[in-house]
Amino acid sequence: MDVKSIHPAEFLKALANQTIDHAGVIDVREQHEWDYYHLEEAKLVPMGQIPYRMGELPEDKPIYVVCAHGVRSYRVAEYLLENGFEDVINVDGGMAALASLKGFQYD
């Protein structure tokens, strides 16, 4: 299964235009990473909790997965696709790329 991805600039534009449903944006980083910097539109579901919290994820709309640099989110996207979710998109470059576009030095 190929994981779809979205360029960080395209993702931010879609958020700003409200063409992405916020219910479908999940951040799979840890709490301390979230506390440092996060998107208001995202829901925190740390990677290790994904198997136990899949019932909280929307099944009828795209799920956008973000992490720090795009690696954990890619793995989570693969996992969700393997477990029956059909429309899962990894945000390339993660929060580091998004922060950079917003003028914030993430790391």
Protein backbone atom coordinates (compact mmCIF):
# COMPACT_ATOMS: atom_id res chain seq x y z
CA MET A 1 0.00 0.00 0.00
CA ASP A 2 1.35 3.35 -0.99
CA VAL A 3 1.01 6.15 1.52
CA LYS A 4 -0.23 9.37 -0.02
CA SER A 5 1.50 12.55 1.04
CA ILE A 6 0.87 16.27 0.91
CA HIS A 7 3.42 19.08 0.63
CA PRO A 8 3.50 21.21 3.81
CA ALA A 9 2.65 24.44 1.93
CA GLU A 10 -0.34 22.75 0.26
CA PHE A 11 -1.45 21.41 3.65
CA LEU A 12 -1.29 24.84 5.31
CA LYS A 13 -3.17 26.41 2.40
CA ALA A 14 -5.90 23.77 2.65
CA LEU A 15 -6.17 24.36 6.42
CA ALA A 16 -6.43 28.12 5.86
CA ASN A 17 -9.08 27.61 3.17
CA GLN A 18 -10.90 25.17 5.44
CA THR A 19 -10.86 22.46 2.78
CA ILE A 20 -9.45 20.04 5.36
CA ASP A 21 -11.80 18.91 8.12
CA HIS A 22 -10.01 19.48 11.41
CA ALA A 23 -11.44 16.24 12.79
CA GLY A 24 -9.15 14.44 10.36
CA VAL A 25 -5.86 16.06 11.44
CA ILE A 26 -3.89 14.00 13.95
CA ASP A 27 -0.51 14.75 15.48
CA VAL A 28 1.33 11.57 16.48
CA ARG A 29 4.15 13.21 18.45
CA GLU A 30 4.52 12.96 22.22
CA GLN A 31 2.90 15.32 24.73
CA HIS A 32 6.12 17.31 25.38
CA GLU A 33 6.55 17.91 21.64
CA TRP A 34 2.91 19.03 21.39
CA ASP A 35 3.39 21.36 24.37
CA TYR A 36 6.34 23.01 22.63
CA TYR A 37 4.55 23.71 19.33
CA HIS A 38 1.43 22.38 17.61
CA LEU A 39 -1.33 23.18 15.17
CA GLU A 40 -4.57 24.29 16.83
CA GLU A 41 -6.46 22.27 14.21
CA ALA A 42 -4.80 18.99 15.14
CA LYS A 43 -5.72 16.36 17.71
CA LEU A 44 -2.89 14.79 19.71
CA VAL A 45 -2.80 10.99 19.42
CA PRO A 46 0.76 9.85 20.22
CA MET A 47 2.08 7.12 17.93
CA GLY A 48 2.14 4.50 20.70
CA GLN A 49 -1.54 5.10 21.44
CA ILE A 50 -2.76 4.73 17.84
CA PRO A 51 -3.71 1.01 18.11
CA TYR A 52 -5.88 1.76 21.17
CA ARG A 53 -7.44 4.98 19.90
CA MET A 54 -8.34 4.15 16.29
CA GLY A 55 -11.99 4.35 17.26
CA GLU A 56 -11.53 8.10 17.74
CA LEU A 57 -10.45 8.58 14.12
CA PRO A 58 -12.95 9.48 11.39
CA GLU A 59 -13.67 6.67 8.96
CA ASP A 60 -15.63 8.81 6.50
CA LYS A 61 -13.10 11.55 5.74
CA PRO A 62 -9.40 11.90 4.98
CA ILE A 63 -6.97 11.59 7.88
CA TYR A 64 -3.91 13.83 7.74
CA VAL A 65 -1.06 12.56 9.91
CA VAL A 66 1.69 14.87 11.16
CA CYS A 67 4.73 14.35 13.40
CA ALA A 68 8.03 16.19 13.88
CA HIS A 69 9.71 15.43 10.54
CA GLY A 70 7.38 13.07 8.67
CA VAL A 71 8.85 9.70 9.66
CA ARG A 72 6.54 8.62 12.51
CA SER A 73 3.54 10.00 10.64
CA TYR A 74 4.47 7.91 7.59
CA ARG A 75 4.62 4.77 9.75
CA VAL A 76 1.27 5.60 11.36
CA ALA A 77 -0.25 6.22 7.93
CA GLU A 78 0.97 2.78 6.80
CA TYR A 79 -0.49 1.21 9.94
CA LEU A 80 -3.87 2.89 9.47
CA LEU A 81 -4.03 1.79 5.82
CA GLU A 82 -3.20 -1.78 6.86
CA ASN A 83 -6.00 -1.64 9.42
CA GLY A 84 -8.87 -0.61 7.18
CA PHE A 85 -8.62 3.16 6.87
CA GLU A 86 -8.77 4.11 3.20
CA ASP A 87 -7.90 7.80 2.95
CA VAL A 88 -4.75 8.56 4.94
CA ILE A 89 -2.30 11.32 4.00
CA ASN A 90 1.15 11.93 5.48
CA VAL A 91 2.22 15.58 5.87
CA ASP A 92 5.70 15.71 4.31
CA GLY A 93 8.38 17.19 6.54
CA GLY A 94 6.12 17.27 9.59
CA MET A 95 5.96 20.09 12.09
CA ALA A 96 9.52 21.19 11.26
CA ALA A 97 8.47 21.99 7.68
CA LEU A 98 5.15 23.53 8.73
CA ALA A 99 6.83 25.67 11.39
CA SER A 100 9.46 26.84 8.91
CA LEU A 101 6.74 27.98 6.51
CA LYS A 102 5.09 29.87 9.37
CA GLY A 103 8.38 31.50 10.36
CA PHE A 104 8.89 29.51 13.55
CA GLN A 105 12.20 27.76 14.27
CA TYR A 106 11.06 24.28 15.33
CA ASP A 107 14.42 22.61 15.84
